[in-house]
Amino acid sequence: MTLKHVSFISRTVFVKNNDVEAACRVLNRILGREGLIDQYRRTRFFEKPCQFRRRINFERCKSIYNEDMDRKIQFVLRKNRLDAFPGAS
């Protein structure tokens, strides 16, 4: 299986009290979180090679930025500091 193929994951969403709309919202949230909706929208039409490279580069930059910000936030929120609130005296 190559990276371009969709990984098929079976999901089961229960409908409670005949509330189909709530079950659809749950299913859409699951599919959106896993990125299947975005992948479907991307593959509906042909993506030019320059647009493909641009999107891939943007996703790489975004993941690097998010990783760096998470690391900085964890550094600020660490608990084993001498001064719990540095600069606030």
PDB file of N, CA and C in Angstrom:
ATOM      1  N   MET A   1       0.854  -1.177   0.000  1.00  0.00           N
ATOM      2  CA  MET A   1       0.000   0.000   0.000  1.00  0.00           C
ATOM      3  C   MET A   1       0.895   1.233   0.000  1.00  0.00           C
ATOM      4  N   THR A   2       0.661   2.122  -0.937  1.00  0.00           N
ATOM      5  CA  THR A   2       1.461   3.337  -0.996  1.00  0.00           C
ATOM      6  C   THR A   2       0.845   4.411  -0.119  1.00  0.00           C
ATOM      7  N   LEU A   3       1.571   5.502   0.040  1.00  0.00           N
ATOM      8  CA  LEU A   3       1.096   6.587   0.900  1.00  0.00           C
ATOM      9  C   LEU A   3      -0.083   7.331   0.295  1.00  0.00           C
ATOM     10  N   LYS A   4      -0.259   7.237  -1.029  1.00  0.00           N
ATOM     11  CA  LYS A   4      -1.338   7.985  -1.672  1.00  0.00           C
ATOM     12  C   LYS A   4      -2.691   7.304  -1.533  1.00  0.00           C
ATOM     13  N   HIS A   5      -2.708   6.019  -1.140  1.00  0.00           N
ATOM     14  CA  HIS A   5      -3.976   5.322  -1.004  1.00  0.00           C
ATOM     15  C   HIS A   5      -4.596   5.613   0.357  1.00  0.00           C
ATOM     16  N   VAL A   6      -5.913   5.620   0.372  1.00  0.00           N
ATOM     17  CA  VAL A   6      -6.648   5.884   1.603  1.00  0.00           C
ATOM     18  C   VAL A   6      -6.575   4.641   2.482  1.00  0.00           C
ATOM     19  N   SER A   7      -6.305   4.851   3.741  1.00  0.00           N
ATOM     20  CA  SER A   7      -6.361   3.729   4.675  1.00  0.00           C
ATOM     21  C   SER A   7      -7.808   3.576   5.136  1.00  0.00           C
ATOM     22  N   PHE A   8      -8.369   2.441   4.881  1.00  0.00           N
ATOM     23  CA  PHE A   8      -9.766   2.220   5.208  1.00  0.00           C
ATOM     24  C   PHE A   8      -9.890   1.760   6.653  1.00  0.00           C
ATOM     25  N   ILE A   9     -10.662   2.486   7.402  1.00  0.00           N
ATOM     26  CA  ILE A   9     -10.869   2.175   8.811  1.00  0.00           C
ATOM     27  C   ILE A   9     -12.373   2.064   9.022  1.00  0.00           C
ATOM     28  N   SER A  10     -12.793   0.950   9.563  1.00  0.00           N
ATOM     29  CA  SER A  10     -14.231   0.779   9.772  1.00  0.00           C
ATOM     30  C   SER A  10     -14.653   1.543  11.016  1.00  0.00           C
ATOM     31  N   ARG A  11     -15.722   2.255  10.906  1.00  0.00           N
ATOM     32  CA  ARG A  11     -16.287   3.011  12.017  1.00  0.00           C
ATOM     33  C   ARG A  11     -17.751   2.656  12.163  1.00  0.00           C
ATOM     34  N   THR A  12     -18.193   2.594  13.382  1.00  0.00           N
ATOM     35  CA  THR A  12     -19.598   2.324  13.665  1.00  0.00           C
ATOM     36  C   THR A  12     -20.132   3.465  14.504  1.00  0.00           C
ATOM     37  N   VAL A  13     -21.206   4.075  14.029  1.00  0.00           N
ATOM     38  CA  VAL A  13     -21.856   5.163  14.757  1.00  0.00           C
ATOM     39  C   VAL A  13     -23.276   4.708  15.061  1.00  0.00           C
ATOM     40  N   PHE A  14     -23.610   4.700  16.317  1.00  0.00           N
ATOM     41  CA  PHE A  14     -24.940   4.267  16.728  1.00  0.00           C
ATOM     42  C   PHE A  14     -25.918   5.431  16.660  1.00  0.00           C
ATOM     43  N   VAL A  15     -27.128   5.145  16.208  1.00  0.00           N
ATOM     44  CA  VAL A  15     -28.203   6.130  16.163  1.00  0.00           C
ATOM     45  C   VAL A  15     -29.068   5.914  17.396  1.00  0.00           C
ATOM     46  N   LYS A  16     -29.128   6.933  18.249  1.00  0.00           N
ATOM     47  CA  LYS A  16     -29.901   6.823  19.479  1.00  0.00           C
ATOM     48  C   LYS A  16     -31.195   7.615  19.346  1.00  0.00           C
ATOM     49  N   ASN A  17     -32.288   7.023  19.730  1.00  0.00           N
ATOM     50  CA  ASN A  17     -33.617   7.659  19.736  1.00  0.00           C
ATOM     51  C   ASN A  17     -33.987   8.228  18.371  1.00  0.00           C
ATOM     52  N   ASN A  18     -33.640   7.504  17.308  1.00  0.00           N
ATOM     53  CA  ASN A  18     -33.941   7.904  15.927  1.00  0.00           C
ATOM     54  C   ASN A  18     -33.404   9.295  15.592  1.00  0.00           C
ATOM     55  N   ASP A  19     -32.307   9.688  16.210  1.00  0.00           N
ATOM     56  CA  ASP A  19     -31.687  10.993  15.946  1.00  0.00           C
ATOM     57  C   ASP A  19     -30.551  10.803  14.938  1.00  0.00           C
ATOM     58  N   VAL A  20     -30.939  10.789  13.661  1.00  0.00           N
ATOM     59  CA  VAL A  20     -29.978  10.540  12.587  1.00  0.00           C
ATOM     60  C   VAL A  20     -29.039  11.736  12.420  1.00  0.00           C
ATOM     61  N   GLU A  21     -29.533  12.936  12.634  1.00  0.00           N
ATOM     62  CA  GLU A  21     -28.707  14.137  12.443  1.00  0.00           C
ATOM     63  C   GLU A  21     -27.523  14.158  13.414  1.00  0.00           C
ATOM     64  N   ALA A  22     -27.763  13.773  14.669  1.00  0.00           N
ATOM     65  CA  ALA A  22     -26.672  13.733  15.641  1.00  0.00           C
ATOM     66  C   ALA A  22     -25.652  12.670  15.256  1.00  0.00           C
ATOM     67  N   ALA A  23     -26.117  11.524  14.747  1.00  0.00           N
ATOM     68  CA  ALA A  23     -25.197  10.472  14.316  1.00  0.00           C
ATOM     69  C   ALA A  23     -24.375  10.940  13.116  1.00  0.00           C
ATOM     70  N   CYS A  24     -24.983  11.694  12.205  1.00  0.00           N
ATOM     71  CA  CYS A  24     -24.243  12.237  11.056  1.00  0.00           C
ATOM     72  C   CYS A  24     -23.199  13.241  11.514  1.00  0.00           C
ATOM     73  N   ARG A  25     -23.530  14.064  12.503  1.00  0.00           N
ATOM     74  CA  ARG A  25     -22.550  15.013  13.030  1.00  0.00           C
ATOM     75  C   ARG A  25     -21.361  14.290  13.645  1.00  0.00           C
ATOM     76  N   VAL A  26     -21.629  13.211  14.381  1.00  0.00           N
ATOM     77  CA  VAL A  26     -20.549  12.427  14.992  1.00  0.00           C
ATOM     78  C   VAL A  26     -19.683  11.803  13.899  1.00  0.00           C
ATOM     79  N   LEU A  27     -20.318  11.252  12.870  1.00  0.00           N
ATOM     80  CA  LEU A  27     -19.573  10.634  11.779  1.00  0.00           C
ATOM     81  C   LEU A  27     -18.731  11.666  11.037  1.00  0.00           C
ATOM     82  N   ASN A  28     -19.301  12.838  10.764  1.00  0.00           N
ATOM     83  CA  ASN A  28     -18.546  13.895  10.092  1.00  0.00           C
ATOM     84  C   ASN A  28     -17.371  14.359  10.944  1.00  0.00           C
ATOM     85  N   ARG A  29     -17.544  14.426  12.250  1.00  0.00           N
ATOM     86  CA  ARG A  29     -16.449  14.818  13.140  1.00  0.00           C
ATOM     87  C   ARG A  29     -15.333  13.784  13.098  1.00  0.00           C
ATOM     88  N   ILE A  30     -15.693  12.502  13.090  1.00  0.00           N
ATOM     89  CA  ILE A  30     -14.685  11.434  13.031  1.00  0.00           C
ATOM     90  C   ILE A  30     -13.931  11.500  11.705  1.00  0.00           C
ATOM     91  N   LEU A  31     -14.665  11.630  10.602  1.00  0.00           N
ATOM     92  CA  LEU A  31     -14.030  11.683   9.283  1.00  0.00           C
ATOM     93  C   LEU A  31     -13.175  12.928   9.129  1.00  0.00           C
ATOM     94  N   GLY A  32     -13.619  14.046   9.678  1.00  0.00           N
ATOM     95  CA  GLY A  32     -12.839  15.272   9.602  1.00  0.00           C
ATOM     96  C   GLY A  32     -11.567  15.190  10.418  1.00  0.00           C
ATOM     97  N   ARG A  33     -11.648  14.572  11.584  1.00  0.00           N
ATOM     98  CA  ARG A  33     -10.470  14.436  12.444  1.00  0.00           C
ATOM     99  C   ARG A  33      -9.417  13.549  11.797  1.00  0.00           C
ATOM    100  N   GLU A  34      -9.862  12.527  11.052  1.00  0.00           N
ATOM    101  CA  GLU A  34      -8.919  11.622  10.399  1.00  0.00           C
ATOM    102  C   GLU A  34      -8.461  12.147   9.045  1.00  0.00           C
ATOM    103  N   GLY A  35      -9.046  13.236   8.567  1.00  0.00           N
ATOM    104  CA  GLY A  35      -8.600  13.837   7.318  1.00  0.00           C
ATOM    105  C   GLY A  35      -9.169  13.194   6.075  1.00  0.00           C
ATOM    106  N   LEU A  36     -10.183  12.350   6.208  1.00  0.00           N
ATOM    107  CA  LEU A  36     -10.737  11.681   5.038  1.00  0.00           C
ATOM    108  C   LEU A  36     -11.582  12.624   4.187  1.00  0.00           C
ATOM    109  N   ILE A  37     -12.256  13.574   4.816  1.00  0.00           N
ATOM    110  CA  ILE A  37     -13.066  14.526   4.049  1.00  0.00           C
ATOM    111  C   ILE A  37     -12.170  15.428   3.213  1.00  0.00           C
ATOM    112  N   ASP A  38     -11.068  15.904   3.800  1.00  0.00           N
ATOM    113  CA  ASP A  38     -10.132  16.746   3.050  1.00  0.00           C
ATOM    114  C   ASP A  38      -9.513  15.982   1.892  1.00  0.00           C
ATOM    115  N   GLN A  39      -9.182  14.719   2.139  1.00  0.00           N
ATOM    116  CA  GLN A  39      -8.590  13.913   1.077  1.00  0.00           C
ATOM    117  C   GLN A  39      -9.596  13.672  -0.045  1.00  0.00           C
ATOM    118  N   TYR A  40     -10.847  13.455   0.290  1.00  0.00           N
ATOM    119  CA  TYR A  40     -11.885  13.279  -0.725  1.00  0.00           C
ATOM    120  C   TYR A  40     -12.038  14.549  -1.559  1.00  0.00           C
ATOM    121  N   ARG A  41     -12.051  15.709  -0.889  1.00  0.00           N
ATOM    122  CA  ARG A  41     -12.197  16.967  -1.617  1.00  0.00           C
ATOM    123  C   ARG A  41     -11.002  17.238  -2.518  1.00  0.00           C
ATOM    124  N   ARG A  42      -9.801  16.851  -2.066  1.00  0.00           N
ATOM    125  CA  ARG A  42      -8.608  17.053  -2.885  1.00  0.00           C
ATOM    126  C   ARG A  42      -8.606  16.168  -4.113  1.00  0.00           C
ATOM    127  N   THR A  43      -9.122  14.950  -4.017  1.00  0.00           N
ATOM    128  CA  THR A  43      -9.050  14.008  -5.132  1.00  0.00           C
ATOM    129  C   THR A  43     -10.257  14.067  -6.053  1.00  0.00           C
ATOM    130  N   ARG A  44     -11.198  14.960  -5.797  1.00  0.00           N
ATOM    131  CA  ARG A  44     -12.338  15.087  -6.709  1.00  0.00           C
ATOM    132  C   ARG A  44     -11.911  15.638  -8.050  1.00  0.00           C
ATOM    133  N   PHE A  45     -10.958  16.549  -8.053  1.00  0.00           N
ATOM    134  CA  PHE A  45     -10.471  17.167  -9.275  1.00  0.00           C
ATOM    135  C   PHE A  45      -8.969  16.989  -9.364  1.00  0.00           C
ATOM    136  N   PHE A  46      -8.439  17.132 -10.557  1.00  0.00           N
ATOM    137  CA  PHE A  46      -7.001  16.993 -10.761  1.00  0.00           C
ATOM    138  C   PHE A  46      -6.267  18.148 -10.094  1.00  0.00           C
ATOM    139  N   GLU A  47      -5.193  17.811  -9.403  1.00  0.00           N
ATOM    140  CA  GLU A  47      -4.369  18.823  -8.749  1.00  0.00           C
ATOM    141  C   GLU A  47      -3.080  18.960  -9.551  1.00  0.00           C
ATOM    142  N   LYS A  48      -2.809  20.157 -10.025  1.00  0.00           N
ATOM    143  CA  LYS A  48      -1.608  20.384 -10.824  1.00  0.00           C
ATOM    144  C   LYS A  48      -0.372  20.082  -9.980  1.00  0.00           C
ATOM    145  N   PRO A  49       0.704  19.633 -10.617  1.00  0.00           N
ATOM    146  CA  PRO A  49       1.918  19.307  -9.851  1.00  0.00           C
ATOM    147  C   PRO A  49       2.454  20.480  -9.034  1.00  0.00           C
ATOM    148  N   CYS A  50       2.363  21.710  -9.570  1.00  0.00           N
ATOM    149  CA  CYS A  50       2.853  22.852  -8.799  1.00  0.00           C
ATOM    150  C   CYS A  50       1.975  23.096  -7.570  1.00  0.00           C
ATOM    151  N   GLN A  51       0.655  22.893  -7.713  1.00  0.00           N
ATOM    152  CA  GLN A  51      -0.238  23.034  -6.563  1.00  0.00           C
ATOM    153  C   GLN A  51       0.006  21.930  -5.538  1.00  0.00           C
ATOM    154  N   PHE A  52       0.301  20.729  -6.027  1.00  0.00           N
ATOM    155  CA  PHE A  52       0.599  19.610  -5.135  1.00  0.00           C
ATOM    156  C   PHE A  52       1.839  19.906  -4.306  1.00  0.00           C
ATOM    157  N   ARG A  53       2.904  20.364  -4.969  1.00  0.00           N
ATOM    158  CA  ARG A  53       4.143  20.687  -4.243  1.00  0.00           C
ATOM    159  C   ARG A  53       3.917  21.816  -3.257  1.00  0.00           C
ATOM    160  N   ARG A  54       3.146  22.811  -3.679  1.00  0.00           N
ATOM    161  CA  ARG A  54       2.860  23.951  -2.803  1.00  0.00           C
ATOM    162  C   ARG A  54       2.108  23.511  -1.555  1.00  0.00           C
ATOM    163  N   ARG A  55       1.091  22.632  -1.732  1.00  0.00           N
ATOM    164  CA  ARG A  55       0.306  22.143  -0.603  1.00  0.00           C
ATOM    165  C   ARG A  55       1.161  21.299   0.337  1.00  0.00           C
ATOM    166  N   ILE A  56       2.000  20.432  -0.233  1.00  0.00           N
ATOM    167  CA  ILE A  56       2.856  19.579   0.595  1.00  0.00           C
ATOM    168  C   ILE A  56       3.836  20.430   1.394  1.00  0.00           C
ATOM    169  N   ASN A  57       4.435  21.437   0.755  1.00  0.00           N
ATOM    170  CA  ASN A  57       5.369  22.311   1.465  1.00  0.00           C
ATOM    171  C   ASN A  57       4.670  23.083   2.578  1.00  0.00           C
ATOM    172  N   PHE A  58       3.445  23.546   2.304  1.00  0.00           N
ATOM    173  CA  PHE A  58       2.679  24.260   3.330  1.00  0.00           C
ATOM    174  C   PHE A  58       2.387  23.343   4.514  1.00  0.00           C
ATOM    175  N   GLU A  59       1.983  22.089   4.236  1.00  0.00           N
ATOM    176  CA  GLU A  59       1.680  21.150   5.316  1.00  0.00           C
ATOM    177  C   GLU A  59       2.925  20.848   6.148  1.00  0.00           C
ATOM    178  N   ARG A  60       4.086  20.733   5.491  1.00  0.00           N
ATOM    179  CA  ARG A  60       5.327  20.500   6.224  1.00  0.00           C
ATOM    180  C   ARG A  60       5.654  21.684   7.128  1.00  0.00           C
ATOM    181  N   CYS A  61       5.556  22.890   6.577  1.00  0.00           N
ATOM    182  CA  CYS A  61       5.848  24.089   7.377  1.00  0.00           C
ATOM    183  C   CYS A  61       4.878  24.214   8.550  1.00  0.00           C
ATOM    184  N   LYS A  62       3.618  23.905   8.302  1.00  0.00           N
ATOM    185  CA  LYS A  62       2.614  23.990   9.359  1.00  0.00           C
ATOM    186  C   LYS A  62       2.898  22.984  10.472  1.00  0.00           C
ATOM    187  N   SER A  63       3.290  21.765  10.105  1.00  0.00           N
ATOM    188  CA  SER A  63       3.573  20.752  11.129  1.00  0.00           C
ATOM    189  C   SER A  63       4.823  21.127  11.930  1.00  0.00           C
ATOM    190  N   ILE A  64       5.838  21.688  11.261  1.00  0.00           N
ATOM    191  CA  ILE A  64       7.043  22.122  11.977  1.00  0.00           C
ATOM    192  C   ILE A  64       6.696  23.249  12.938  1.00  0.00           C
ATOM    193  N   TYR A  65       5.884  24.210  12.476  1.00  0.00           N
ATOM    194  CA  TYR A  65       5.475  25.328  13.330  1.00  0.00           C
ATOM    195  C   TYR A  65       4.685  24.827  14.539  1.00  0.00           C
ATOM    196  N   ASN A  66       3.719  23.932  14.300  1.00  0.00           N
ATOM    197  CA  ASN A  66       2.892  23.422  15.394  1.00  0.00           C
ATOM    198  C   ASN A  66       3.733  22.635  16.402  1.00  0.00           C
ATOM    199  N   GLU A  67       4.683  21.863  15.899  1.00  0.00           N
ATOM    200  CA  GLU A  67       5.556  21.105  16.789  1.00  0.00           C
ATOM    201  C   GLU A  67       6.404  22.040  17.647  1.00  0.00           C
ATOM    202  N   ASP A  68       6.925  23.099  17.034  1.00  0.00           N
ATOM    203  CA  ASP A  68       7.742  24.065  17.755  1.00  0.00           C
ATOM    204  C   ASP A  68       6.918  24.807  18.810  1.00  0.00           C
ATOM    205  N   MET A  69       5.699  25.203  18.445  1.00  0.00           N
ATOM    206  CA  MET A  69       4.839  25.907  19.396  1.00  0.00           C
ATOM    207  C   MET A  69       4.435  24.997  20.553  1.00  0.00           C
ATOM    208  N   ASP A  70       4.145  23.732  20.265  1.00  0.00           N
ATOM    209  CA  ASP A  70       3.818  22.795  21.338  1.00  0.00           C
ATOM    210  C   ASP A  70       4.990  22.643  22.303  1.00  0.00           C
ATOM    211  N   ARG A  71       6.199  22.572  21.752  1.00  0.00           N
ATOM    212  CA  ARG A  71       7.386  22.450  22.595  1.00  0.00           C
ATOM    213  C   ARG A  71       7.555  23.696  23.465  1.00  0.00           C
ATOM    214  N   LYS A  72       7.335  24.877  22.895  1.00  0.00           N
ATOM    215  CA  LYS A  72       7.461  26.116  23.663  1.00  0.00           C
ATOM    216  C   LYS A  72       6.392  26.214  24.749  1.00  0.00           C
ATOM    217  N   ILE A  73       5.177  25.812  24.428  1.00  0.00           N
ATOM    218  CA  ILE A  73       4.090  25.854  25.412  1.00  0.00           C
ATOM    219  C   ILE A  73       4.372  24.894  26.555  1.00  0.00           C
ATOM    220  N   GLN A  74       4.852  23.686  26.225  1.00  0.00           N
ATOM    221  CA  GLN A  74       5.196  22.736  27.278  1.00  0.00           C
ATOM    222  C   GLN A  74       6.331  23.251  28.145  1.00  0.00           C
ATOM    223  N   PHE A  75       7.265  23.982  27.541  1.00  0.00           N
ATOM    224  CA  PHE A  75       8.363  24.557  28.315  1.00  0.00           C
ATOM    225  C   PHE A  75       7.839  25.603  29.295  1.00  0.00           C
ATOM    226  N   VAL A  76       6.917  26.427  28.861  1.00  0.00           N
ATOM    227  CA  VAL A  76       6.363  27.466  29.728  1.00  0.00           C
ATOM    228  C   VAL A  76       5.489  26.850  30.823  1.00  0.00           C
ATOM    229  N   LEU A  77       4.781  25.787  30.498  1.00  0.00           N
ATOM    230  CA  LEU A  77       3.851  25.181  31.448  1.00  0.00           C
ATOM    231  C   LEU A  77       4.483  24.114  32.336  1.00  0.00           C
ATOM    232  N   ARG A  78       5.795  23.949  32.280  1.00  0.00           N
ATOM    233  CA  ARG A  78       6.434  22.920  33.099  1.00  0.00           C
ATOM    234  C   ARG A  78       6.226  23.232  34.585  1.00  0.00           C
ATOM    235  N   LYS A  79       6.201  22.196  35.395  1.00  0.00           N
ATOM    236  CA  LYS A  79       5.827  22.365  36.796  1.00  0.00           C
ATOM    237  C   LYS A  79       7.000  22.326  37.759  1.00  0.00           C
ATOM    238  N   ASN A  80       8.151  21.818  37.337  1.00  0.00           N
ATOM    239  CA  ASN A  80       9.258  21.677  38.281  1.00  0.00           C
ATOM    240  C   ASN A  80      10.201  22.883  38.210  1.00  0.00           C
ATOM    241  N   ARG A  81       9.618  24.086  38.262  1.00  0.00           N
ATOM    242  CA  ARG A  81      10.421  25.308  38.243  1.00  0.00           C
ATOM    243  C   ARG A  81      10.615  25.805  39.662  1.00  0.00           C
ATOM    244  N   LEU A  82      11.671  26.588  39.869  1.00  0.00           N
ATOM    245  CA  LEU A  82      11.877  27.209  41.177  1.00  0.00           C
ATOM    246  C   LEU A  82      10.850  28.315  41.391  1.00  0.00           C
ATOM    247  N   ASP A  83      10.687  29.174  40.392  1.00  0.00           N
ATOM    248  CA  ASP A  83       9.720  30.259  40.466  1.00  0.00           C
ATOM    249  C   ASP A  83       8.549  29.885  39.545  1.00  0.00           C
ATOM    250  N   ALA A  84       7.384  29.648  40.118  1.00  0.00           N
ATOM    251  CA  ALA A  84       6.254  29.179  39.340  1.00  0.00           C
ATOM    252  C   ALA A  84       5.798  30.218  38.331  1.00  0.00           C
ATOM    253  N   PHE A  85       5.898  31.493  38.654  1.00  0.00           N
ATOM    254  CA  PHE A  85       5.469  32.564  37.760  1.00  0.00           C
ATOM    255  C   PHE A  85       6.625  33.528  37.551  1.00  0.00           C
ATOM    256  N   PRO A  86       7.537  33.215  36.622  1.00  0.00           N
ATOM    257  CA  PRO A  86       8.700  34.089  36.428  1.00  0.00           C
ATOM    258  C   PRO A  86       8.289  35.451  35.880  1.00  0.00           C
ATOM    259  N   GLY A  87       8.869  36.481  36.429  1.00  0.00           N
ATOM    260  CA  GLY A  87       8.582  37.835  35.953  1.00  0.00           C
ATOM    261  C   GLY A  87       7.374  38.473  36.604  1.00  0.00           C
ATOM    262  N   ALA A  88       6.629  37.745  37.390  1.00  0.00           N
ATOM    263  CA  ALA A  88       5.442  38.294  38.048  1.00  0.00           C
ATOM    264  C   ALA A  88       5.748  38.471  39.542  1.00  0.00           C
ATOM    265  N   SER A  89       6.350  39.628  39.880  1.00  0.00           N
ATOM    266  CA  SER A  89       6.655  39.824  41.300  1.00  0.00           C
ATOM    267  C   SER A  89       5.980  41.033  41.859  1.00  0.00           C
TER     268      SER A  89
END
